[in-house]
Structure formats: C-alpha cells, structure tokens
Amino acid sequence: ISIRIDGMKEVMGMYIGGNESAKYWLGVLNDL
C-alpha cells in the first residue's frame, strides 16, 4: 500500500505466495 504524491492512498498489489520470506518480497518489489 502506498501514499502517492497527491496524498491519496493506493493498494499497489496483493501477491499470493508461500510462507512470508525476504526472498519472496524481493520478487514483489521487482514486479512493482
């Protein structure tokens, strides 16, 4: 979830994966 430059909130994405890990977050960030 983000706050844009105009001040409005935005859900950028929701990704279903395995158990939470830094490795999967890396994939999410690369997708963004």
All heavy atoms as atom14 arrays in JSON, in Angstrom:
{
  "sequence": "ISIRIDGMKEVMGMYIGGNESAKYWLGVLNDL",
  "atom14_mask": [
    [1, 1, 1, 1, 1, 1, 1, 1, 0, 0, 0, 0, 0, 0],
    [1, 1, 1, 1, 1, 1, 0, 0, 0, 0, 0, 0, 0, 0],
    [1, 1, 1, 1, 1, 1, 1, 1, 0, 0, 0, 0, 0, 0],
    [1, 1, 1, 1, 1, 1, 1, 1, 1, 1, 1, 0, 0, 0],
    [1, 1, 1, 1, 1, 1, 1, 1, 0, 0, 0, 0, 0, 0],
    [1, 1, 1, 1, 1, 1, 1, 1, 0, 0, 0, 0, 0, 0],
    [1, 1, 1, 1, 0, 0, 0, 0, 0, 0, 0, 0, 0, 0],
    [1, 1, 1, 1, 1, 1, 1, 1, 0, 0, 0, 0, 0, 0],
    [1, 1, 1, 1, 1, 1, 1, 1, 1, 0, 0, 0, 0, 0],
    [1, 1, 1, 1, 1, 1, 1, 1, 1, 0, 0, 0, 0, 0],
    [1, 1, 1, 1, 1, 1, 1, 0, 0, 0, 0, 0, 0, 0],
    [1, 1, 1, 1, 1, 1, 1, 1, 0, 0, 0, 0, 0, 0],
    [1, 1, 1, 1, 0, 0, 0, 0, 0, 0, 0, 0, 0, 0],
    [1, 1, 1, 1, 1, 1, 1, 1, 0, 0, 0, 0, 0, 0],
    [1, 1, 1, 1, 1, 1, 1, 1, 1, 1, 1, 1, 0, 0],
    [1, 1, 1, 1, 1, 1, 1, 1, 0, 0, 0, 0, 0, 0],
    [1, 1, 1, 1, 0, 0, 0, 0, 0, 0, 0, 0, 0, 0],
    [1, 1, 1, 1, 0, 0, 0, 0, 0, 0, 0, 0, 0, 0],
    [1, 1, 1, 1, 1, 1, 1, 1, 0, 0, 0, 0, 0, 0],
    [1, 1, 1, 1, 1, 1, 1, 1, 1, 0, 0, 0, 0, 0],
    [1, 1, 1, 1, 1, 1, 0, 0, 0, 0, 0, 0, 0, 0],
    [1, 1, 1, 1, 1, 0, 0, 0, 0, 0, 0, 0, 0, 0],
    [1, 1, 1, 1, 1, 1, 1, 1, 1, 0, 0, 0, 0, 0],
    [1, 1, 1, 1, 1, 1, 1, 1, 1, 1, 1, 1, 0, 0],
    [1, 1, 1, 1, 1, 1, 1, 1, 1, 1, 1, 1, 1, 1],
    [1, 1, 1, 1, 1, 1, 1, 1, 0, 0, 0, 0, 0, 0],
    [1, 1, 1, 1, 0, 0, 0, 0, 0, 0, 0, 0, 0, 0],
    [1, 1, 1, 1, 1, 1, 1, 0, 0, 0, 0, 0, 0, 0],
    [1, 1, 1, 1, 1, 1, 1, 1, 0, 0, 0, 0, 0, 0],
    [1, 1, 1, 1, 1, 1, 1, 1, 0, 0, 0, 0, 0, 0],
    [1, 1, 1, 1, 1, 1, 1, 1, 0, 0, 0, 0, 0, 0],
    [1, 1, 1, 1, 1, 1, 1, 1, 0, 0, 0, 0, 0, 0]
  ],
  "atom14_positions": [
    [[0.86, -1.18, 0.0], [0.0, 0.0, 0.0], [0.9, 1.23, 0.0], [1.95, 1.24, 0.66], [-0.94, 0.01, 1.22], [-1.96, -1.13, 1.12], [-1.66, 1.35, 1.36], [-2.91, -1.19, 2.3], [0.0, 0.0, 0.0], [0.0, 0.0, 0.0], [0.0, 0.0, 0.0], [0.0, 0.0, 0.0], [0.0, 0.0, 0.0], [0.0, 0.0, 0.0]],
    [[0.49, 2.25, -0.73], [1.35, 3.44, -0.83], [0.55, 4.71, -0.59], [-0.68, 4.72, -0.61], [1.97, 3.5, -2.23], [0.94, 3.7, -3.19], [0.0, 0.0, 0.0], [0.0, 0.0, 0.0], [0.0, 0.0, 0.0], [0.0, 0.0, 0.0], [0.0, 0.0, 0.0], [0.0, 0.0, 0.0], [0.0, 0.0, 0.0], [0.0, 0.0, 0.0]],
    [[1.31, 5.77, -0.36], [0.76, 7.13, -0.4], [1.41, 7.83, -1.58], [2.63, 7.95, -1.65], [1.03, 7.9, 0.9], [0.37, 7.2, 2.08], [0.5, 9.34, 0.79], [0.61, 7.88, 3.41], [0.0, 0.0, 0.0], [0.0, 0.0, 0.0], [0.0, 0.0, 0.0], [0.0, 0.0, 0.0], [0.0, 0.0, 0.0], [0.0, 0.0, 0.0]],
    [[0.57, 8.23, -2.53], [1.08, 8.84, -3.75], [1.51, 10.29, -3.5], [1.29, 10.85, -2.42], [0.0, 8.8, -4.85], [-0.51, 7.39, -5.12], [-1.38, 7.4, -6.37], [-2.45, 8.38, -6.34], [-3.75, 8.09, -6.39], [-4.13, 6.82, -6.44], [-4.66, 9.04, -6.38], [0.0, 0.0, 0.0], [0.0, 0.0, 0.0], [0.0, 0.0, 0.0]],
    [[2.06, 10.89, -4.52], [2.49, 12.28, -4.4], [1.3, 13.2, -4.17], [1.42, 14.25, -3.53], [3.28, 12.7, -5.67], [4.65, 12.01, -5.65], [3.47, 14.21, -5.74], [5.53, 12.34, -6.83], [0.0, 0.0, 0.0], [0.0, 0.0, 0.0], [0.0, 0.0, 0.0], [0.0, 0.0, 0.0], [0.0, 0.0, 0.0], [0.0, 0.0, 0.0]],
    [[0.11, 12.82, -4.68], [-1.07, 13.66, -4.47], [-1.7, 13.44, -3.09], [-2.72, 14.04, -2.77], [-2.12, 13.4, -5.56], [-2.64, 11.97, -5.56], [-2.25, 11.18, -4.68], [-3.44, 11.65, -6.46], [0.0, 0.0, 0.0], [0.0, 0.0, 0.0], [0.0, 0.0, 0.0], [0.0, 0.0, 0.0], [0.0, 0.0, 0.0], [0.0, 0.0, 0.0]],
    [[-1.1, 12.56, -2.28], [-1.58, 12.35, -0.91], [-2.61, 11.26, -0.75], [-2.99, 10.93, 0.37], [0.0, 0.0, 0.0], [0.0, 0.0, 0.0], [0.0, 0.0, 0.0], [0.0, 0.0, 0.0], [0.0, 0.0, 0.0], [0.0, 0.0, 0.0], [0.0, 0.0, 0.0], [0.0, 0.0, 0.0], [0.0, 0.0, 0.0], [0.0, 0.0, 0.0]],
    [[-3.06, 10.65, -1.85], [-4.08, 9.61, -1.77], [-3.43, 8.23, -1.59], [-2.37, 7.96, -2.14], [-4.93, 9.61, -3.05], [-5.6, 10.95, -3.33], [-6.65, 11.54, -1.96], [-7.96, 10.31, -2.01], [0.0, 0.0, 0.0], [0.0, 0.0, 0.0], [0.0, 0.0, 0.0], [0.0, 0.0, 0.0], [0.0, 0.0, 0.0], [0.0, 0.0, 0.0]],
    [[-4.11, 7.37, -0.84], [-3.63, 6.0, -0.63], [-3.99, 5.12, -1.82], [-4.99, 5.34, -2.49], [-4.24, 5.41, 0.64], [-3.62, 5.9, 1.92], [-4.0, 5.03, 3.11], [-5.48, 5.02, 3.36], [-5.83, 4.2, 4.56], [0.0, 0.0, 0.0], [0.0, 0.0, 0.0], [0.0, 0.0, 0.0], [0.0, 0.0, 0.0], [0.0, 0.0, 0.0]],
    [[-3.16, 4.13, -2.06], [-3.38, 3.21, -3.18], [-2.88, 1.82, -2.81], [-1.78, 1.68, -2.26], [-2.63, 3.72, -4.42], [-2.71, 2.79, -5.62], [-1.88, 3.29, -6.79], [-1.35, 4.42, -6.72], [-1.75, 2.54, -7.78], [0.0, 0.0, 0.0], [0.0, 0.0, 0.0], [0.0, 0.0, 0.0], [0.0, 0.0, 0.0], [0.0, 0.0, 0.0]],
    [[-3.68, 0.81, -3.11], [-3.21, -0.57, -2.98], [-2.48, -0.9, -4.28], [-3.08, -0.94, -5.36], [-4.37, -1.55, -2.75], [-3.83, -2.98, -2.63], [-5.16, -1.19, -1.49], [0.0, 0.0, 0.0], [0.0, 0.0, 0.0], [0.0, 0.0, 0.0], [0.0, 0.0, 0.0], [0.0, 0.0, 0.0], [0.0, 0.0, 0.0], [0.0, 0.0, 0.0]],
    [[-1.19, -1.14, -4.19], [-0.38, -1.37, -5.38], [-0.46, -2.81, -5.87], [-0.33, -3.08, -7.06], [1.08, -0.99, -5.09], [1.25, 0.43, -4.59], [2.9, 0.76, -3.95], [3.83, 0.94, -5.47], [0.0, 0.0, 0.0], [0.0, 0.0, 0.0], [0.0, 0.0, 0.0], [0.0, 0.0, 0.0], [0.0, 0.0, 0.0], [0.0, 0.0, 0.0]],
    [[-0.63, -3.75, -4.95], [-0.69, -5.14, -5.35], [-0.92, -6.06, -4.17], [-0.64, -5.71, -3.02], [0.0, 0.0, 0.0], [0.0, 0.0, 0.0], [0.0, 0.0, 0.0], [0.0, 0.0, 0.0], [0.0, 0.0, 0.0], [0.0, 0.0, 0.0], [0.0, 0.0, 0.0], [0.0, 0.0, 0.0], [0.0, 0.0, 0.0], [0.0, 0.0, 0.0]],
    [[-1.44, -7.25, -4.47], [-1.61, -8.33, -3.49], [-1.13, -9.62, -4.15], [-1.65, -10.0, -5.2], [-3.07, -8.45, -3.05], [-3.62, -7.21, -2.35], [-5.3, -7.42, -1.69], [-6.23, -7.56, -3.23], [0.0, 0.0, 0.0], [0.0, 0.0, 0.0], [0.0, 0.0, 0.0], [0.0, 0.0, 0.0], [0.0, 0.0, 0.0], [0.0, 0.0, 0.0]],
    [[-0.13, -10.25, -3.57], [0.52, -11.4, -4.19], [0.43, -12.62, -3.27], [0.8, -12.55, -2.09], [1.99, -11.08, -4.46], [2.23, -9.84, -5.29], [2.2, -8.58, -4.7], [2.48, -9.94, -6.66], [2.42, -7.43, -5.46], [2.71, -8.79, -7.42], [2.67, -7.55, -6.82], [2.89, -6.41, -7.56], [0.0, 0.0, 0.0], [0.0, 0.0, 0.0]],
    [[-0.06, -13.73, -3.8], [-0.17, -14.95, -3.02], [1.08, -15.81, -3.23], [1.45, -16.12, -4.37], [-1.42, -15.75, -3.42], [-2.68, -14.92, -3.17], [-1.5, -17.07, -2.64], [-3.96, -15.57, -3.64], [0.0, 0.0, 0.0], [0.0, 0.0, 0.0], [0.0, 0.0, 0.0], [0.0, 0.0, 0.0], [0.0, 0.0, 0.0], [0.0, 0.0, 0.0]],
    [[1.74, -16.16, -2.14], [2.95, -16.97, -2.23], [3.06, -17.92, -1.06], [2.11, -18.13, -0.31], [0.0, 0.0, 0.0], [0.0, 0.0, 0.0], [0.0, 0.0, 0.0], [0.0, 0.0, 0.0], [0.0, 0.0, 0.0], [0.0, 0.0, 0.0], [0.0, 0.0, 0.0], [0.0, 0.0, 0.0], [0.0, 0.0, 0.0], [0.0, 0.0, 0.0]],
    [[4.24, -18.49, -0.88], [4.48, -19.39, 0.24], [4.57, -18.63, 1.54], [4.14, -17.47, 1.64], [0.0, 0.0, 0.0], [0.0, 0.0, 0.0], [0.0, 0.0, 0.0], [0.0, 0.0, 0.0], [0.0, 0.0, 0.0], [0.0, 0.0, 0.0], [0.0, 0.0, 0.0], [0.0, 0.0, 0.0], [0.0, 0.0, 0.0], [0.0, 0.0, 0.0]],
    [[5.14, -19.25, 2.56], [5.32, -18.56, 3.83], [6.15, -17.31, 3.64], [7.05, -17.26, 2.79], [6.0, -19.49, 4.85], [5.07, -20.58, 5.33], [3.85, -20.38, 5.38], [5.63, -21.72, 5.7], [0.0, 0.0, 0.0], [0.0, 0.0, 0.0], [0.0, 0.0, 0.0], [0.0, 0.0, 0.0], [0.0, 0.0, 0.0], [0.0, 0.0, 0.0]],
    [[5.86, -16.29, 4.44], [6.5, -14.99, 4.27], [8.02, -15.11, 4.36], [8.55, -15.69, 5.29], [5.99, -14.01, 5.33], [6.51, -12.6, 5.11], [5.95, -11.6, 6.11], [5.26, -12.04, 7.05], [6.21, -10.41, 5.95], [0.0, 0.0, 0.0], [0.0, 0.0, 0.0], [0.0, 0.0, 0.0], [0.0, 0.0, 0.0], [0.0, 0.0, 0.0]],
    [[8.69, -14.53, 3.37], [10.16, -14.57, 3.34], [10.68, -13.35, 2.61], [9.99, -12.76, 1.76], [10.66, -15.83, 2.64], [10.32, -15.81, 1.26], [0.0, 0.0, 0.0], [0.0, 0.0, 0.0], [0.0, 0.0, 0.0], [0.0, 0.0, 0.0], [0.0, 0.0, 0.0], [0.0, 0.0, 0.0], [0.0, 0.0, 0.0], [0.0, 0.0, 0.0]],
    [[11.92, -12.97, 2.92], [12.55, -11.84, 2.25], [12.74, -12.13, 0.76], [12.65, -11.23, -0.08], [13.89, -11.52, 2.91], [0.0, 0.0, 0.0], [0.0, 0.0, 0.0], [0.0, 0.0, 0.0], [0.0, 0.0, 0.0], [0.0, 0.0, 0.0], [0.0, 0.0, 0.0], [0.0, 0.0, 0.0], [0.0, 0.0, 0.0], [0.0, 0.0, 0.0]],
    [[12.97, -13.41, 0.43], [13.16, -13.78, -0.97], [11.91, -13.51, -1.79], [11.99, -13.0, -2.91], [13.55, -15.25, -1.06], [13.81, -15.73, -2.49], [14.2, -17.2, -2.51], [14.43, -17.69, -3.95], [14.81, -19.13, -3.98], [0.0, 0.0, 0.0], [0.0, 0.0, 0.0], [0.0, 0.0, 0.0], [0.0, 0.0, 0.0], [0.0, 0.0, 0.0]],
    [[10.73, -13.84, -1.24], [9.51, -13.59, -2.0], [9.24, -12.09, -2.07], [8.76, -11.6, -3.1], [8.32, -14.32, -1.37], [7.16, -14.44, -2.34], [7.04, -15.58, -3.14], [6.25, -13.41, -2.51], [6.01, -15.69, -4.06], [5.22, -13.51, -3.43], [5.1, -14.65, -4.2], [4.09, -14.75, -5.12], [0.0, 0.0, 0.0], [0.0, 0.0, 0.0]],
    [[9.54, -11.35, -1.0], [9.37, -9.9, -1.05], [10.24, -9.28, -2.16], [9.85, -8.3, -2.79], [9.72, -9.27, 0.3], [8.59, -9.24, 1.27], [8.52, -9.86, 2.48], [7.36, -8.54, 1.12], [7.33, -9.6, 3.09], [6.59, -8.78, 2.27], [6.82, -7.72, 0.11], [5.32, -8.25, 2.46], [5.55, -7.19, 0.29], [4.82, -7.44, 1.45]],
    [[11.4, -9.87, -2.39], [12.27, -9.39, -3.47], [11.55, -9.51, -4.81], [11.61, -8.61, -5.65], [13.57, -10.19, -3.48], [14.59, -9.82, -4.56], [15.08, -8.39, -4.38], [15.78, -10.79, -4.53], [0.0, 0.0, 0.0], [0.0, 0.0, 0.0], [0.0, 0.0, 0.0], [0.0, 0.0, 0.0], [0.0, 0.0, 0.0], [0.0, 0.0, 0.0]],
    [[10.83, -10.63, -5.01], [10.05, -10.8, -6.23], [8.94, -9.78, -6.35], [8.65, -9.27, -7.44], [0.0, 0.0, 0.0], [0.0, 0.0, 0.0], [0.0, 0.0, 0.0], [0.0, 0.0, 0.0], [0.0, 0.0, 0.0], [0.0, 0.0, 0.0], [0.0, 0.0, 0.0], [0.0, 0.0, 0.0], [0.0, 0.0, 0.0], [0.0, 0.0, 0.0]],
    [[8.27, -9.48, -5.23], [7.19, -8.48, -5.23], [7.75, -7.11, -5.63], [7.18, -6.4, -6.47], [6.53, -8.4, -3.84], [5.6, -7.19, -3.74], [5.75, -9.68, -3.55], [0.0, 0.0, 0.0], [0.0, 0.0, 0.0], [0.0, 0.0, 0.0], [0.0, 0.0, 0.0], [0.0, 0.0, 0.0], [0.0, 0.0, 0.0], [0.0, 0.0, 0.0]],
    [[8.87, -6.73, -5.04], [9.48, -5.43, -5.34], [9.93, -5.34, -6.79], [9.77, -4.29, -7.44], [10.66, -5.19, -4.39], [10.27, -4.99, -2.92], [11.48, -5.18, -2.02], [9.66, -3.61, -2.72], [0.0, 0.0, 0.0], [0.0, 0.0, 0.0], [0.0, 0.0, 0.0], [0.0, 0.0, 0.0], [0.0, 0.0, 0.0], [0.0, 0.0, 0.0]],
    [[10.45, -6.42, -7.32], [10.83, -6.43, -8.74], [9.62, -6.3, -9.64], [9.69, -5.67, -10.71], [11.61, -7.71, -9.06], [13.08, -7.6, -8.71], [13.71, -6.58, -8.98], [13.63, -8.63, -8.11], [0.0, 0.0, 0.0], [0.0, 0.0, 0.0], [0.0, 0.0, 0.0], [0.0, 0.0, 0.0], [0.0, 0.0, 0.0], [0.0, 0.0, 0.0]],
    [[8.5, -6.89, -9.23], [7.27, -6.75, -10.02], [6.8, -5.3, -10.02], [6.39, -4.77, -11.06], [6.17, -7.66, -9.46], [4.88, -7.55, -10.27], [4.83, -8.09, -11.39], [3.92, -6.89, -9.79], [0.0, 0.0, 0.0], [0.0, 0.0, 0.0], [0.0, 0.0, 0.0], [0.0, 0.0, 0.0], [0.0, 0.0, 0.0], [0.0, 0.0, 0.0]],
    [[6.84, -4.64, -8.87], [6.45, -3.23, -8.79], [7.34, -2.37, -9.69], [6.86, -1.45, -10.36], [6.53, -2.74, -7.34], [5.58, -3.41, -6.34], [5.82, -2.85, -4.94], [4.12, -3.2, -6.74], [0.0, 0.0, 0.0], [0.0, 0.0, 0.0], [0.0, 0.0, 0.0], [0.0, 0.0, 0.0], [0.0, 0.0, 0.0], [0.0, 0.0, 0.0]]
  ]
}
